[in-house]
Amino acid sequence: MTIDMRSLQVIAPNFKKRLSGVTATVVRLVPVQSRDINIAATGPVIPSHVPQIPLSALLSMPRSGPDGPRVWHARRNVEMIGGLVLKHLLRKRLKLVFTSASQRQQSGLTRWLIRQMDAVVATSERGAAYLENPAQVIMHGIDLDGFTPAADKAALRAKLGLPVEAQLIGCYGRIRASKGTDVFCTAMADVVKRSPQAHALIMGRAVPKDRAFLQEIKDKIDALGLSDNFHFLPEVPVEDMADWYRVLDLYVAPQRWEGFGLTPIEAMACGVPVVATRVGAFEQIVVPGTGLLVAPEQPQALTQAIATAFAPPCPIREWEQKVRPHVAEHFAIEREAAELTALYRRLFSEG
């Protein structure tokens, strides 16, 4: 869906070719934002349903927007640099916004870039505390129409080639040490030894530098003779993810550290309770009655939390009733879109 440059008010760049959390945010958020403001994404790989402009159009776009400066909403260093080039070298009238999801000390370059922004957004209070600049906290949201509970979980499992009667426990996202994939698999190995009906679903992509890490995990599972209970699945397109949450009984987010972390929200919107580590925004997402929280890098604690979910009196059944209402109240994507649009309009009014 290509946008008329003359009416364009906000540009959301996504300069990364491969799927990432930032890419998923842009792809899901821009169509919702476009209901209230003239916004377009730009980048090398933007799905056709997302309002967008070609990268090449940035060079020739009118200097000003329909109401004065446009907003350039960056989410990575390279996109902040792109906005600065457009503003100061090509003389485009832009208000520069940066969203930071990081919860660690920023590099010198990142801190300098952030100082050049007109507004900064943090995705959590904890993330805001790491920033030198004042930041408005706007937590992520998800599309509640796209992430819904399964109408028939058993039928969906059969369709996807999964064991229908098993306890399916999932861990999705990039496979690397920071995501705690190894911690999850270590914990699940103990779970499976105690409860052979438990199966682990691990989905995600390992980039070349992380493939040895993944292979080491698989080798350990093979050595324990548990390979039949571990399913290493290829990454699927964003639009297909909901089905892979719907088949689960429990979702586990075992990260060592995280900027925000959308996957628990996606799982909960699909009616799936969560066990997560106390990193990112997980303490605000997984509240009492929706799952359990444990310390990061503690596979034994993770094993115990998973076991507790299914042990009599099976608290997981009560959690299943509460997770989606909690997400609907606090993490709808329409709330995120509305808060960002209000920020954009404030910047427009400043001229």
Protein backbone atom coordinates (compact mmCIF):
# COMPACT_ATOMS: atom_id res chain seq x y z
CA MET A 1 0.00 0.00 0.00
CA THR A 2 1.89 3.05 -1.28
CA ILE A 3 1.20 6.48 0.26
CA ASP A 4 1.05 9.87 -1.45
CA MET A 5 4.16 11.72 -0.28
CA ARG A 6 2.38 15.07 -0.24
CA SER A 7 0.01 13.97 2.54
CA LEU A 8 2.59 12.05 4.55
CA GLN A 9 2.97 13.17 8.18
CA VAL A 10 5.00 10.39 9.83
CA ILE A 11 7.68 8.02 8.53
CA ALA A 12 8.54 4.79 10.37
CA PRO A 13 11.84 3.47 8.96
CA ASN A 14 12.74 -0.22 9.20
CA PHE A 15 16.19 -0.66 7.70
CA LYS A 16 16.71 -4.31 8.67
CA LYS A 17 16.09 -7.01 6.07
CA ARG A 18 15.54 -9.91 8.46
CA LEU A 19 12.68 -10.43 10.86
CA SER A 20 13.30 -8.95 14.32
CA GLY A 21 11.28 -7.63 17.22
CA VAL A 22 11.59 -4.09 15.85
CA THR A 23 10.45 -5.22 12.41
CA ALA A 24 7.44 -6.97 13.93
CA THR A 25 6.59 -3.81 15.87
CA VAL A 26 6.65 -1.63 12.73
CA VAL A 27 4.68 -4.13 10.64
CA ARG A 28 1.94 -4.48 13.23
CA LEU A 29 1.77 -0.90 14.48
CA VAL A 30 1.84 1.21 11.31
CA PRO A 31 -1.46 -0.13 9.86
CA VAL A 32 -3.19 0.66 13.16
CA GLN A 33 -1.62 4.11 13.40
CA SER A 34 -2.66 4.83 9.81
CA ARG A 35 -6.31 4.91 10.90
CA ASP A 36 -5.68 8.23 12.68
CA ILE A 37 -2.64 9.79 11.02
CA ASN A 38 -0.91 9.71 7.63
CA ILE A 39 1.99 7.38 8.41
CA ALA A 40 4.09 5.09 6.23
CA ALA A 41 6.88 2.63 6.83
CA THR A 42 9.96 2.52 4.64
CA GLY A 43 12.67 -0.09 4.29
CA PRO A 44 13.98 -2.95 2.18
CA VAL A 45 11.38 -5.54 3.26
CA ILE A 46 7.94 -4.22 4.20
CA PRO A 47 4.88 -6.47 3.64
CA SER A 48 2.51 -5.21 0.97
CA HIS A 49 -0.41 -4.61 3.38
CA VAL A 50 1.59 -2.05 5.41
CA PRO A 51 1.28 1.61 4.28
CA GLN A 52 4.70 2.43 2.88
CA ILE A 53 6.93 4.51 0.68
CA PRO A 54 10.03 3.29 -1.20
CA LEU A 55 13.39 4.15 0.31
CA SER A 56 14.27 6.04 -2.85
CA ALA A 57 11.32 8.39 -2.27
CA LEU A 58 13.04 9.83 0.80
CA LEU A 59 15.49 11.73 -1.39
CA SER A 60 12.85 13.44 -3.51
CA MET A 61 10.04 13.89 -0.98
CA PRO A 62 8.81 17.47 -0.45
CA ARG A 63 10.85 19.32 2.13
CA SER A 64 7.85 19.78 4.45
CA GLY A 65 4.78 17.78 5.29
CA PRO A 66 1.19 18.94 4.84
CA ASP A 67 1.21 20.67 8.25
CA GLY A 68 4.86 21.62 8.60
CA PRO A 69 7.57 19.18 9.72
CA ARG A 70 7.14 15.45 9.39
CA VAL A 71 7.98 13.01 12.18
CA TRP A 72 10.75 10.47 11.59
CA HIS A 73 10.26 7.66 14.16
CA ALA A 74 13.46 5.62 14.47
CA ARG A 75 13.97 2.48 16.54
CA ARG A 76 17.63 1.66 15.74
CA ASN A 77 20.89 3.61 15.57
CA VAL A 78 21.07 3.34 11.79
CA GLU A 79 17.59 4.83 11.52
CA MET A 80 18.49 7.72 13.82
CA ILE A 81 21.49 8.36 11.56
CA GLY A 82 19.19 8.24 8.51
CA GLY A 83 16.92 10.85 10.07
CA LEU A 84 19.86 13.14 10.84
CA VAL A 85 21.12 12.87 7.27
CA LEU A 86 17.69 13.73 5.88
CA LYS A 87 17.29 16.65 8.27
CA HIS A 88 20.72 18.25 8.20
CA LEU A 89 22.21 17.27 4.84
CA LEU A 90 19.10 17.09 2.65
CA ARG A 91 17.32 19.87 4.57
CA LYS A 92 14.07 17.99 5.12
CA ARG A 93 11.89 19.43 7.87
CA LEU A 94 11.74 16.59 10.37
CA LYS A 95 11.01 16.05 14.03
CA LEU A 96 13.11 13.10 15.15
CA VAL A 97 11.72 10.49 17.56
CA PHE A 98 13.54 7.46 18.93
CA THR A 99 12.04 4.50 20.76
CA SER A 100 14.45 2.72 23.08
CA ALA A 101 13.65 -0.79 24.32
CA SER A 102 17.11 -1.39 25.78
CA GLN A 103 17.71 -2.02 29.47
CA ARG A 104 21.45 -1.59 29.63
CA GLN A 105 24.03 1.17 29.42
CA GLN A 106 24.00 2.68 25.93
CA SER A 107 27.14 3.01 23.82
CA GLY A 108 28.70 6.42 23.36
CA LEU A 109 27.39 6.62 19.78
CA THR A 110 23.85 5.73 20.85
CA ARG A 111 23.89 8.31 23.65
CA TRP A 112 25.09 10.99 21.21
CA LEU A 113 22.40 10.06 18.68
CA ILE A 114 19.67 10.14 21.31
CA ARG A 115 20.74 13.65 22.31
CA GLN A 116 19.96 14.78 18.75
CA MET A 117 16.34 13.58 18.97
CA ASP A 118 13.35 15.83 19.51
CA ALA A 119 11.57 13.21 21.62
CA VAL A 120 12.49 9.88 23.17
CA VAL A 121 10.17 6.99 24.01
CA ALA A 122 11.02 4.14 26.38
CA THR A 123 9.03 0.92 26.33
CA SER A 124 9.21 0.44 30.11
CA GLU A 125 9.99 2.37 33.27
CA ARG A 126 13.08 0.23 33.76
CA GLY A 127 14.28 1.07 30.25
CA ALA A 128 13.69 4.78 30.84
CA ALA A 129 16.01 4.66 33.84
CA TYR A 130 18.95 3.78 31.55
CA LEU A 131 18.47 6.87 29.37
CA GLU A 132 20.23 10.19 29.93
CA ASN A 133 17.44 12.06 28.16
CA PRO A 134 13.91 12.45 29.57
CA ALA A 135 11.68 9.80 27.99
CA GLN A 136 7.97 9.17 27.74
CA VAL A 137 7.09 5.58 28.63
CA ILE A 138 4.81 3.95 26.05
CA MET A 139 4.54 0.20 26.47
CA HIS A 140 4.08 -2.05 23.46
CA GLY A 141 0.74 -3.51 22.54
CA ILE A 142 -0.50 -6.25 20.24
CA ASP A 143 -3.36 -6.85 17.83
CA LEU A 144 -6.00 -8.63 19.88
CA ASP A 145 -7.90 -9.56 16.72
CA GLY A 146 -4.87 -11.38 15.33
CA PHE A 147 -3.96 -13.16 18.57
CA THR A 148 -6.94 -15.10 19.90
CA PRO A 149 -7.44 -18.43 21.71
CA ALA A 150 -7.84 -21.61 19.68
CA ALA A 151 -11.36 -22.65 18.76
CA ASP A 152 -10.23 -26.31 18.76
CA LYS A 153 -6.73 -26.81 20.17
CA ALA A 154 -6.62 -30.54 19.44
CA ALA A 155 -7.58 -30.06 15.80
CA LEU A 156 -5.00 -27.31 15.37
CA ARG A 157 -2.28 -29.50 16.87
CA ALA A 158 -3.16 -32.29 14.48
CA LYS A 159 -3.10 -29.86 11.55
CA LEU A 160 0.39 -28.67 12.52
CA GLY A 161 1.70 -32.20 13.04
CA LEU A 162 2.06 -31.91 16.81
CA PRO A 163 1.22 -34.51 19.48
CA VAL A 164 -2.43 -33.93 20.29
CA GLU A 165 -2.55 -35.23 23.88
CA ALA A 166 0.82 -33.89 25.09
CA GLN A 167 1.56 -30.99 27.39
CA LEU A 168 3.05 -28.51 24.92
CA ILE A 169 5.39 -25.91 26.42
CA GLY A 170 6.84 -23.32 24.04
CA CYS A 171 9.75 -20.91 23.83
CA TYR A 172 9.88 -18.70 20.71
CA GLY A 173 12.19 -16.02 19.34
CA ARG A 174 15.80 -15.57 18.28
CA ILE A 175 17.98 -18.48 19.40
CA ARG A 176 20.94 -17.01 21.24
CA ALA A 177 22.37 -16.87 24.74
CA SER A 178 20.63 -13.63 25.72
CA LYS A 179 17.25 -15.22 25.01
CA GLY A 180 17.98 -18.09 27.40
CA THR A 181 17.19 -20.87 24.95
CA ASP A 182 19.73 -23.10 26.68
CA VAL A 183 18.21 -22.36 30.09
CA PHE A 184 14.78 -23.33 28.78
CA CYS A 185 16.04 -26.60 27.32
CA THR A 186 17.93 -27.49 30.51
CA ALA A 187 14.81 -26.84 32.57
CA MET A 188 12.59 -28.75 30.15
CA ALA A 189 14.92 -31.75 30.19
CA ASP A 190 14.17 -32.10 33.91
CA VAL A 191 10.46 -31.54 33.30
CA VAL A 192 10.37 -34.26 30.64
CA LYS A 193 12.21 -36.72 32.88
CA ARG A 194 9.50 -36.25 35.50
CA SER A 195 6.57 -35.98 33.09
CA PRO A 196 7.12 -37.78 29.75
CA GLN A 197 3.87 -36.28 28.41
CA ALA A 198 5.59 -32.87 28.36
CA HIS A 199 7.00 -31.68 25.02
CA ALA A 200 9.12 -28.59 24.34
CA LEU A 201 8.56 -26.46 21.24
CA ILE A 202 11.51 -24.22 20.36
CA MET A 203 10.96 -21.89 17.42
CA GLY A 204 13.30 -19.27 16.05
CA ARG A 205 16.28 -18.45 13.90
CA ALA A 206 19.91 -18.82 14.86
CA VAL A 207 22.16 -16.50 12.87
CA PRO A 208 25.53 -17.94 11.83
CA LYS A 209 27.34 -16.83 14.99
CA ASP A 210 24.72 -18.59 17.15
CA ARG A 211 24.51 -21.87 15.27
CA ALA A 212 27.18 -23.54 17.39
CA PHE A 213 25.18 -22.48 20.46
CA LEU A 214 22.07 -24.15 19.01
CA GLN A 215 23.94 -27.29 18.02
CA GLU A 216 25.36 -27.62 21.53
CA ILE A 217 21.82 -27.49 22.93
CA LYS A 218 20.64 -30.18 20.50
CA ASP A 219 23.64 -32.37 21.28
CA LYS A 220 22.88 -32.23 25.00
CA ILE A 221 19.25 -33.19 24.39
CA ASP A 222 20.37 -36.09 22.18
CA ALA A 223 22.84 -37.28 24.83
CA LEU A 224 20.01 -37.38 27.39
CA GLY A 225 17.86 -39.48 25.04
CA LEU A 226 15.07 -36.89 25.08
CA SER A 227 15.02 -35.83 21.42
CA ASP A 228 11.50 -37.17 20.83
CA ASN A 229 10.14 -34.63 23.32
CA PHE A 230 11.97 -31.61 21.87
CA HIS A 231 10.73 -30.03 18.65
CA PHE A 232 13.08 -27.48 17.05
CA LEU A 233 10.90 -25.57 14.60
CA PRO A 234 11.85 -23.15 11.81
CA GLU A 235 10.92 -19.51 12.04
CA VAL A 236 7.52 -18.70 10.53
CA PRO A 237 6.14 -15.41 9.14
CA VAL A 238 4.68 -12.96 11.64
CA GLU A 239 1.17 -13.56 10.34
CA ASP A 240 1.42 -17.30 11.11
CA MET A 241 2.67 -16.98 14.69
CA ALA A 242 -0.70 -16.95 16.44
CA ASP A 243 -1.40 -20.60 15.61
CA TRP A 244 1.88 -21.65 17.24
CA TYR A 245 0.86 -19.94 20.46
CA ARG A 246 -2.67 -21.36 20.33
CA VAL A 247 -1.42 -24.96 20.41
CA LEU A 248 0.48 -24.42 23.69
CA ASP A 249 -0.50 -25.20 27.25
CA LEU A 250 2.23 -22.95 28.67
CA TYR A 251 4.64 -20.38 27.24
CA VAL A 252 8.08 -19.81 28.77
CA ALA A 253 10.14 -16.62 28.37
CA PRO A 254 13.57 -17.56 29.85
CA GLN A 255 15.56 -14.48 28.79
CA ARG A 256 18.79 -13.50 30.50
CA TRP A 257 18.00 -9.91 29.54
CA GLU A 258 15.37 -8.27 27.38
CA GLY A 259 14.43 -4.81 26.20
CA PHE A 260 10.68 -5.28 26.41
CA GLY A 261 9.56 -8.72 25.25
CA LEU A 262 6.38 -9.13 23.19
CA THR A 263 6.14 -12.91 23.11
CA PRO A 264 4.53 -13.33 26.57
CA ILE A 265 1.81 -10.83 25.58
CA GLU A 266 1.17 -12.67 22.33
CA ALA A 267 0.88 -15.97 24.16
CA MET A 268 -1.43 -14.54 26.81
CA ALA A 269 -3.70 -12.99 24.18
CA CYS A 270 -4.07 -16.53 22.80
CA GLY A 271 -5.18 -17.75 26.23
CA VAL A 272 -1.82 -19.27 27.18
CA PRO A 273 -0.34 -18.62 30.66
CA VAL A 274 3.33 -17.67 30.98
CA VAL A 275 6.37 -18.47 33.09
CA ALA A 276 9.00 -15.76 32.62
CA THR A 277 12.19 -14.37 34.08
CA ARG A 278 12.29 -11.02 35.88
CA VAL A 279 13.76 -9.03 32.99
CA GLY A 280 12.46 -6.54 30.43
CA ALA A 281 8.85 -5.59 31.10
CA PHE A 282 7.92 -9.12 32.20
CA GLU A 283 7.15 -8.08 35.77
CA GLN A 284 4.48 -5.73 34.40
CA ILE A 285 3.19 -8.31 31.93
CA VAL A 286 3.07 -11.49 34.04
CA VAL A 287 1.15 -10.38 37.11
CA PRO A 288 -0.22 -12.63 39.89
CA GLY A 289 -2.92 -14.91 38.55
CA THR A 290 -1.52 -15.05 35.00
CA GLY A 291 1.65 -17.13 35.53
CA LEU A 292 4.89 -17.14 37.46
CA LEU A 293 8.16 -15.19 37.50
CA VAL A 294 11.61 -16.54 38.32
CA ALA A 295 15.13 -15.14 38.43
CA PRO A 296 17.10 -15.31 35.14
CA GLU A 297 19.72 -18.02 34.58
CA GLN A 298 18.08 -20.35 37.11
CA PRO A 299 17.05 -23.54 35.26
CA GLN A 300 16.07 -25.31 38.48
CA ALA A 301 13.72 -22.47 39.41
CA LEU A 302 12.29 -22.58 35.89
CA THR A 303 11.74 -26.34 36.17
CA GLN A 304 9.94 -25.87 39.48
CA ALA A 305 7.73 -23.08 38.10
CA ILE A 306 6.71 -25.21 35.10
CA ALA A 307 5.97 -28.16 37.38
CA THR A 308 3.94 -25.94 39.73
CA ALA A 309 1.76 -24.78 36.85
CA PHE A 310 0.55 -28.33 36.18
CA ALA A 311 0.67 -29.80 39.69
CA PRO A 312 -2.60 -30.20 41.65
CA PRO A 313 -4.64 -28.08 42.07
CA CYS A 314 -3.42 -27.11 38.56
CA PRO A 315 -3.22 -23.31 38.85
CA ILE A 316 -2.68 -23.14 35.10
CA ARG A 317 -6.42 -23.70 34.60
CA GLU A 318 -7.22 -20.56 36.59
CA TRP A 319 -4.49 -18.60 34.82
CA GLU A 320 -5.98 -19.52 31.44
CA GLN A 321 -9.14 -17.59 32.34
CA LYS A 322 -7.27 -14.42 33.32
CA VAL A 323 -4.47 -13.96 30.79
CA ARG A 324 -6.42 -12.59 27.83
CA PRO A 325 -8.53 -10.11 29.87
CA HIS A 326 -5.29 -8.81 31.43
CA VAL A 327 -3.70 -8.25 28.03
CA ALA A 328 -6.87 -6.69 26.62
CA GLU A 329 -6.95 -4.17 29.45
CA HIS A 330 -3.29 -3.16 29.42
CA PHE A 331 -1.59 -4.17 26.15
CA ALA A 332 -3.93 -3.53 23.22
CA ILE A 333 -2.09 -2.13 20.21
CA GLU A 334 -4.73 0.61 19.85
CA ARG A 335 -3.57 2.07 23.17
CA GLU A 336 0.06 2.14 22.00
CA ALA A 337 -0.95 3.70 18.67
CA ALA A 338 -3.04 6.40 20.35
CA GLU A 339 -0.24 7.39 22.75
CA LEU A 340 2.28 7.63 19.91
CA THR A 341 -0.12 9.65 17.76
CA ALA A 342 -0.61 12.09 20.64
CA LEU A 343 3.18 12.48 20.83
CA TYR A 344 3.43 13.13 17.07
CA ARG A 345 0.71 15.77 17.23
CA ARG A 346 2.49 17.52 20.08
CA LEU A 347 5.64 17.68 17.96
CA PHE A 348 3.65 19.05 14.99
CA SER A 349 2.27 21.80 17.22
CA GLU A 350 5.79 22.83 18.21
CA GLY A 351 6.58 23.55 14.53
